[in-house]
Amino acid sequence: MTSPARGDDHGALVRRLVEAQPADRGLLRRICLAAVEALSASGSGISVMTADGTRGVCATSDPVSERVEELQFTLGEGPCIDAFADRRPVLAADLSDGGGRRWPVYTPAAQDAGVRAVFAFPLQVGAARLGVMDVFRDRVGPMSGTELQLAFTFADLTVKVLLDLQQGEAAADDGATVLDVGRRAELFQAQGMVMMQLGVSISEALVRIRAYAFAENRRLEDVAHDIVQRRLRFDG
């Protein structure tokens, strides 16, 4: 079981990893690997999902976890699907205890792959849903309180990397690394409007805008423009 000190060490390690390196899919895999070690898990996976049905495995810690992660999309059921739909964690500490009734096709397939417990954490910011981070164990048993807190930290960091990754890809598509002055001014104006609408800080307002753009598969500057033109509000 992970001790509080060990959990704190891993949380700090992953924060430094995210802050020190550019967002890329390799970083997402390193987060999965760090989660496996910190949470005494056998595997971990990150999947991107949208409300319109777009789904895909983004990163995993190992090939077995990749197969188990893909199973949920192939079969259309599993903890990952439920966590995304219900917007809350699904903690299946023992798949043999009710898992067969809840996920009659997924459960035996996951057990055949050696998985005995699955913990699924939705990746979301406000109302925007980005996907799910799954943690797999080859033994039954719940996470400790410390492990749960650390799992939420990993999920939050994953959200940050996904948003940074999307922004980097959008900049590459533009053939530029930064927004021009006009678009930056409009984005800042949009941040201020969302800050007032939600009663949050200016930095939190930007996170909400970026998360919405990611979830809706839209360009950040287009979302900002709609906010400034009052075609989009965040307090509805």
Protein backbone atom coordinates (compact mmCIF):
# COMPACT_ATOMS: atom_id res chain seq x y z
CA MET A 1 0.00 0.00 0.00
CA THR A 2 1.25 3.48 -0.79
CA SER A 3 2.23 5.51 2.25
CA PRO A 4 1.34 9.23 2.47
CA ALA A 5 5.00 10.22 2.09
CA ARG A 6 5.43 8.03 -0.95
CA GLY A 7 2.24 9.41 -2.48
CA ASP A 8 3.39 12.99 -1.89
CA ASP A 9 6.76 12.18 -3.50
CA HIS A 10 5.09 10.80 -6.61
CA GLY A 11 2.64 13.70 -6.83
CA ALA A 12 5.52 16.18 -6.72
CA LEU A 13 7.44 14.11 -9.26
CA VAL A 14 4.59 14.13 -11.75
CA ARG A 15 3.99 17.86 -11.27
CA ARG A 16 7.65 18.55 -12.05
CA LEU A 17 7.43 16.24 -15.06
CA VAL A 18 4.46 18.14 -16.46
CA GLU A 19 5.95 21.56 -15.80
CA ALA A 20 9.40 20.74 -17.16
CA GLN A 21 8.48 19.08 -20.45
CA PRO A 22 6.28 20.03 -23.40
CA ALA A 23 2.91 18.32 -23.65
CA ASP A 24 3.02 15.31 -25.93
CA ARG A 25 1.65 11.79 -26.02
CA GLY A 26 4.90 10.49 -24.56
CA LEU A 27 4.25 12.59 -21.48
CA LEU A 28 0.79 11.07 -21.14
CA ARG A 29 2.36 7.61 -21.16
CA ARG A 30 4.83 8.69 -18.49
CA ILE A 31 1.91 9.82 -16.36
CA CYS A 32 0.37 6.37 -16.79
CA LEU A 33 3.63 4.72 -15.72
CA ALA A 34 3.95 7.02 -12.71
CA ALA A 35 0.34 6.25 -11.72
CA VAL A 36 1.03 2.51 -11.85
CA GLU A 37 3.94 2.86 -9.44
CA ALA A 38 2.33 5.38 -7.11
CA LEU A 39 -1.03 3.60 -6.87
CA SER A 40 0.30 0.04 -6.56
CA ALA A 41 -1.44 -0.80 -9.83
CA SER A 42 -0.74 -3.29 -12.59
CA GLY A 43 -1.66 -0.89 -15.39
CA SER A 44 -3.20 2.42 -16.36
CA GLY A 45 -4.75 4.04 -19.41
CA ILE A 46 -5.97 7.42 -20.64
CA SER A 47 -8.80 7.67 -23.16
CA VAL A 48 -10.23 10.73 -24.87
CA MET A 49 -14.00 10.80 -25.22
CA THR A 50 -16.58 13.36 -26.35
CA ALA A 51 -20.31 13.62 -25.93
CA ASP A 52 -20.86 13.05 -29.67
CA GLY A 53 -19.43 9.53 -29.40
CA THR A 54 -15.81 10.12 -30.39
CA ARG A 55 -13.62 7.71 -28.41
CA GLY A 56 -10.00 6.69 -28.51
CA VAL A 57 -7.19 5.34 -26.36
CA CYS A 58 -4.63 8.13 -25.96
CA ALA A 59 -1.93 6.49 -23.80
CA THR A 60 -1.36 3.40 -21.67
CA SER A 61 1.33 2.05 -19.40
CA ASP A 62 1.71 -1.29 -21.20
CA PRO A 63 0.24 -3.45 -24.00
CA VAL A 64 -2.10 -5.38 -21.69
CA SER A 65 -3.61 -2.16 -20.36
CA GLU A 66 -4.05 -0.95 -23.94
CA ARG A 67 -6.06 -4.06 -24.80
CA VAL A 68 -8.22 -3.76 -21.67
CA GLU A 69 -8.76 -0.04 -22.34
CA GLU A 70 -9.82 -0.72 -25.93
CA LEU A 71 -12.17 -3.52 -24.78
CA GLN A 72 -14.56 -0.96 -23.30
CA PHE A 73 -14.93 0.83 -26.63
CA THR A 74 -15.18 -2.41 -28.60
CA LEU A 75 -17.83 -3.84 -26.28
CA GLY A 76 -19.58 -0.57 -25.45
CA GLU A 77 -19.53 -1.13 -21.70
CA GLY A 78 -17.19 -0.91 -18.73
CA PRO A 79 -16.12 1.38 -15.87
CA CYS A 80 -14.62 3.92 -18.29
CA ILE A 81 -17.90 4.29 -20.20
CA ASP A 82 -19.89 4.71 -16.98
CA ALA A 83 -17.45 7.19 -15.42
CA PHE A 84 -17.68 9.41 -18.50
CA ALA A 85 -21.47 9.19 -18.74
CA ASP A 86 -22.11 9.73 -15.02
CA ARG A 87 -19.37 12.37 -14.56
CA ARG A 88 -18.06 10.66 -11.43
CA PRO A 89 -15.46 8.02 -10.52
CA VAL A 90 -16.34 4.35 -10.84
CA LEU A 91 -14.47 2.31 -8.25
CA ALA A 92 -14.79 -1.41 -8.97
CA ALA A 93 -12.55 -2.88 -6.26
CA ASP A 94 -13.57 -6.43 -7.16
CA LEU A 95 -14.86 -7.18 -10.65
CA SER A 96 -16.18 -10.55 -9.49
CA ASP A 97 -18.49 -8.78 -7.02
CA GLY A 98 -21.28 -7.38 -9.19
CA GLY A 99 -19.12 -6.63 -12.20
CA GLY A 100 -20.66 -9.49 -14.16
CA ARG A 101 -24.13 -8.00 -13.73
CA ARG A 102 -23.09 -4.43 -14.45
CA TRP A 103 -20.74 -5.22 -17.36
CA PRO A 104 -21.62 -8.78 -18.43
CA VAL A 105 -19.37 -8.83 -21.50
CA TYR A 106 -16.52 -6.59 -20.37
CA THR A 107 -15.96 -8.21 -16.96
CA PRO A 108 -15.00 -11.75 -18.09
CA ALA A 109 -12.86 -10.31 -20.89
CA ALA A 110 -10.97 -8.06 -18.45
CA GLN A 111 -10.56 -10.92 -16.00
CA ASP A 112 -9.13 -13.08 -18.77
CA ALA A 113 -6.49 -10.36 -19.21
CA GLY A 114 -5.60 -10.61 -15.51
CA VAL A 115 -7.52 -7.56 -14.29
CA ARG A 116 -9.30 -7.97 -10.96
CA ALA A 117 -10.11 -4.33 -10.08
CA VAL A 118 -10.70 -1.17 -12.13
CA PHE A 119 -10.82 2.44 -10.95
CA ALA A 120 -12.05 4.97 -13.53
CA PHE A 121 -11.66 8.73 -13.04
CA PRO A 122 -13.40 11.19 -15.39
CA LEU A 123 -11.25 13.92 -16.93
CA GLN A 124 -13.35 17.06 -16.81
CA VAL A 125 -13.34 20.79 -16.15
CA GLY A 126 -16.67 22.24 -15.15
CA ALA A 127 -19.26 20.93 -17.61
CA ALA A 128 -16.66 19.98 -20.22
CA ARG A 129 -15.79 16.27 -20.36
CA LEU A 130 -12.49 15.27 -21.96
CA GLY A 131 -12.23 11.56 -21.26
CA VAL A 132 -11.32 9.08 -18.53
CA MET A 133 -8.21 7.82 -16.77
CA ASP A 134 -8.35 4.14 -15.77
CA VAL A 135 -6.25 2.38 -13.16
CA PHE A 136 -6.09 -1.43 -13.28
CA ARG A 137 -5.06 -3.88 -10.55
CA ASP A 138 -4.36 -7.59 -10.77
CA ARG A 139 -5.74 -8.10 -7.26
CA VAL A 140 -9.00 -7.19 -5.53
CA GLY A 141 -9.27 -4.50 -2.91
CA PRO A 142 -10.16 -0.80 -2.61
CA MET A 143 -7.78 2.14 -2.88
CA SER A 144 -6.77 3.81 0.36
CA GLY A 145 -7.80 7.38 1.04
CA THR A 146 -4.28 8.56 0.21
CA GLU A 147 -4.28 6.61 -3.05
CA LEU A 148 -7.63 8.09 -4.04
CA GLN A 149 -6.36 11.62 -3.44
CA LEU A 150 -3.29 10.88 -5.51
CA ALA A 151 -5.41 9.36 -8.29
CA PHE A 152 -7.40 12.61 -8.48
CA THR A 153 -4.08 14.49 -8.74
CA PHE A 154 -3.05 12.31 -11.67
CA ALA A 155 -6.43 12.95 -13.32
CA ASP A 156 -6.06 16.72 -12.87
CA LEU A 157 -2.57 16.65 -14.34
CA THR A 158 -3.81 14.59 -17.27
CA VAL A 159 -6.44 17.25 -18.00
CA LYS A 160 -3.71 19.90 -18.05
CA VAL A 161 -1.58 17.91 -20.48
CA LEU A 162 -4.54 17.16 -22.78
CA LEU A 163 -5.42 20.85 -22.96
CA ASP A 164 -1.80 21.82 -23.57
CA LEU A 165 -1.52 19.15 -26.24
CA GLN A 166 -4.63 20.40 -28.02
CA GLN A 167 -3.41 23.99 -27.93
CA GLY A 168 -0.02 22.95 -29.30
CA GLU A 169 -1.60 21.01 -32.17
CA ALA A 170 -3.85 23.96 -33.00
CA ALA A 171 -0.84 26.28 -33.14
CA ALA A 172 0.98 23.83 -35.41
CA ASP A 173 -2.02 23.74 -37.76
CA ASP A 174 -1.86 27.53 -37.96
CA GLY A 175 1.82 27.39 -38.87
CA ALA A 176 2.50 29.56 -35.83
CA THR A 177 3.53 28.95 -32.25
CA VAL A 178 1.56 31.80 -30.65
CA LEU A 179 -1.70 33.62 -31.27
CA ASP A 180 -1.41 37.01 -32.91
CA VAL A 181 -1.99 40.17 -30.88
CA GLY A 182 -5.62 40.59 -31.92
CA ARG A 183 -6.60 37.06 -31.01
CA ARG A 184 -4.72 37.27 -27.72
CA ALA A 185 -6.66 40.43 -26.86
CA GLU A 186 -9.96 38.73 -27.67
CA LEU A 187 -9.01 35.66 -25.62
CA PHE A 188 -8.18 37.88 -22.65
CA GLN A 189 -11.51 39.66 -23.03
CA ALA A 190 -13.28 36.30 -23.15
CA GLN A 191 -11.46 35.24 -19.96
CA GLY A 192 -12.74 38.32 -18.19
CA MET A 193 -16.31 37.66 -19.30
CA VAL A 194 -16.22 34.02 -18.17
CA MET A 195 -14.62 35.09 -14.90
CA MET A 196 -17.61 37.34 -14.24
CA GLN A 197 -20.15 34.76 -15.42
CA LEU A 198 -18.83 32.00 -13.15
CA GLY A 199 -17.33 33.99 -10.30
CA VAL A 200 -13.93 32.31 -10.70
CA SER A 201 -10.35 33.52 -11.05
CA ILE A 202 -8.95 34.69 -14.39
CA SER A 203 -6.74 31.59 -14.63
CA GLU A 204 -9.68 29.28 -13.89
CA ALA A 205 -11.70 31.07 -16.58
CA LEU A 206 -9.02 30.22 -19.14
CA VAL A 207 -9.04 26.58 -18.05
CA ARG A 208 -12.82 26.48 -18.52
CA ILE A 209 -12.56 28.00 -22.01
CA ARG A 210 -9.81 25.60 -23.05
CA ALA A 211 -11.73 22.62 -21.71
CA TYR A 212 -14.83 23.65 -23.63
CA ALA A 213 -12.80 24.01 -26.82
CA PHE A 214 -11.28 20.55 -26.30
CA ALA A 215 -14.61 18.87 -25.55
CA GLU A 216 -16.31 20.50 -28.53
CA ASN A 217 -13.30 19.96 -30.83
CA ARG A 218 -13.15 23.67 -31.63
CA ARG A 219 -10.32 26.15 -31.98
CA LEU A 220 -9.61 28.16 -28.85
CA GLU A 221 -9.79 31.50 -30.66
CA ASP A 222 -13.17 30.57 -32.22
CA VAL A 223 -14.62 29.81 -28.79
CA ALA A 224 -13.20 33.08 -27.44
CA HIS A 225 -14.76 34.97 -30.35
CA ASP A 226 -18.19 33.46 -29.63
CA ILE A 227 -17.88 34.44 -25.97
CA VAL A 228 -16.97 38.02 -26.81
CA GLN A 229 -19.83 38.20 -29.34
CA ARG A 230 -22.16 36.89 -26.60
CA ARG A 231 -23.11 33.81 -28.61
CA LEU A 232 -21.75 31.59 -25.84
CA ARG A 233 -22.12 31.88 -22.08
CA PHE A 234 -20.68 29.68 -19.35
CA ASP A 235 -23.23 30.28 -16.61
CA GLY A 236 -26.10 28.47 -18.33
